[in-house]
Protein backbone atom coordinates (compact mmCIF):
# COMPACT_ATOMS: atom_id res chain seq x y z
CA MET A 1 15.42 -19.23 -19.75
CA ILE A 2 16.82 -16.04 -18.28
CA ARG A 3 20.21 -16.90 -19.75
CA SER A 4 18.73 -17.26 -23.23
CA LEU A 5 16.90 -13.94 -22.80
CA TYR A 6 20.18 -12.38 -21.71
CA LEU A 7 22.03 -13.77 -24.71
CA ASP A 8 19.31 -12.63 -27.14
CA PHE A 9 18.37 -9.22 -25.73
CA GLY A 10 21.12 -8.03 -23.40
CA PHE A 11 21.16 -7.09 -19.75
CA PHE A 12 18.75 -4.14 -19.49
CA THR A 13 16.07 -5.62 -21.74
CA THR A 14 16.21 -8.90 -19.82
CA LEU A 15 15.97 -7.00 -16.54
CA ILE A 16 12.92 -5.09 -17.76
CA ILE A 17 11.24 -8.27 -19.05
CA CYS A 18 11.86 -10.17 -15.79
CA LEU A 19 10.69 -7.29 -13.60
CA GLY A 20 7.62 -6.89 -15.80
CA ILE A 21 6.76 -10.57 -15.39
CA VAL A 22 7.17 -10.38 -11.60
CA VAL A 23 5.07 -7.20 -11.34
CA PHE A 24 2.36 -8.67 -13.58
CA PHE A 25 2.29 -11.81 -11.40
CA ILE A 26 1.92 -9.73 -8.22
CA ILE A 27 -0.84 -7.60 -9.74
CA TRP A 28 -2.56 -10.75 -11.07
CA LEU A 29 -2.61 -12.25 -7.57
CA ALA A 30 -3.87 -8.96 -6.10
CA GLY A 31 -6.65 -8.88 -8.69
CA ILE A 32 -7.68 -12.44 -7.85
CA ALA A 33 -7.73 -11.60 -4.15
CA GLY A 34 -9.77 -8.48 -4.84
CA LEU A 35 -12.29 -10.30 -7.01
CA LEU A 36 -12.77 -13.13 -4.55
CA ALA A 37 -12.87 -11.06 -1.36
CA ASN A 38 -14.61 -7.94 -2.68
CA PRO A 39 -17.04 -6.66 -0.02
CA ASP A 40 -18.99 -4.67 -2.65
CA THR A 41 -20.34 -7.78 -4.38
CA LYS A 42 -23.71 -8.89 -3.13
CA LYS A 43 -23.56 -12.39 -4.62
CA GLU A 44 -21.38 -15.28 -3.58
CA VAL A 45 -18.29 -15.94 -5.70
CA GLY A 46 -19.04 -18.64 -8.25
CA TRP A 47 -16.83 -21.23 -9.85
CA VAL A 48 -17.05 -19.44 -13.19
CA LYS A 49 -15.40 -16.34 -11.77
CA ILE A 50 -12.65 -18.40 -10.13
CA ILE A 51 -11.97 -20.29 -13.37
CA CYS A 52 -11.93 -17.03 -15.35
CA CYS A 53 -9.43 -15.57 -12.88
CA ILE A 54 -7.07 -18.49 -13.30
CA LEU A 55 -7.42 -19.24 -17.01
CA ILE A 56 -7.61 -15.63 -18.22
CA PRO A 57 -4.84 -13.77 -16.33
CA VAL A 58 -5.73 -10.45 -17.95
CA TYR A 59 -9.21 -10.45 -16.34
CA PRO A 60 -8.05 -9.83 -12.71
CA PHE A 61 -5.37 -7.44 -13.97
CA LEU A 62 -7.91 -5.29 -15.82
CA TRP A 63 -10.42 -5.55 -12.97
CA LEU A 64 -7.80 -4.22 -10.55
CA ILE A 65 -7.00 -1.26 -12.83
CA PHE A 66 -10.70 -0.40 -13.35
CA ASP A 67 -11.49 -0.81 -9.64
CA THR A 68 -8.58 1.44 -8.71
CA PHE A 69 -9.83 4.05 -11.18
CA LYS A 70 -13.39 3.75 -9.81
CA GLU A 71 -12.14 4.26 -6.25
CA TYR A 72 -10.08 7.26 -7.38
CA ILE A 73 -13.20 8.87 -8.88
CA THR A 74 -15.19 8.15 -5.71
CA ILE A 75 -12.52 9.63 -3.45
CA ARG A 76 -12.14 12.65 -5.73
CA LYS A 77 -15.90 13.34 -5.66
CA HIS A 78 -15.92 12.99 -1.88
CA THR A 79 -12.98 15.39 -1.55
CA VAL A 80 -14.62 17.98 -3.81
CA ASN A 81 -17.90 17.75 -1.85
CA THR A 82 -16.01 18.11 1.44
CA GLN A 83 -14.14 21.18 0.23
CA ARG A 84 -17.39 22.87 -0.88
CA ASN A 85 -18.91 22.57 2.59
């Protein structure tokens, strides 16, 4: 498969595609781990959430991005409040 990508697109495009796939896979696994082991959730993790994580790979990816943004906002507010005092 990589050879056919290389023959069709060239070296640098194939390198970018392969690295993108690896990075997406790592972020997908991190999103699944975050969704399943999130201490902020009050309810137990259900089968529906696990199936959504596996069958819809974009769901954990987007959750990880939104959760990171939410934490950034929380830390920023805390830093601003600390600097005012």
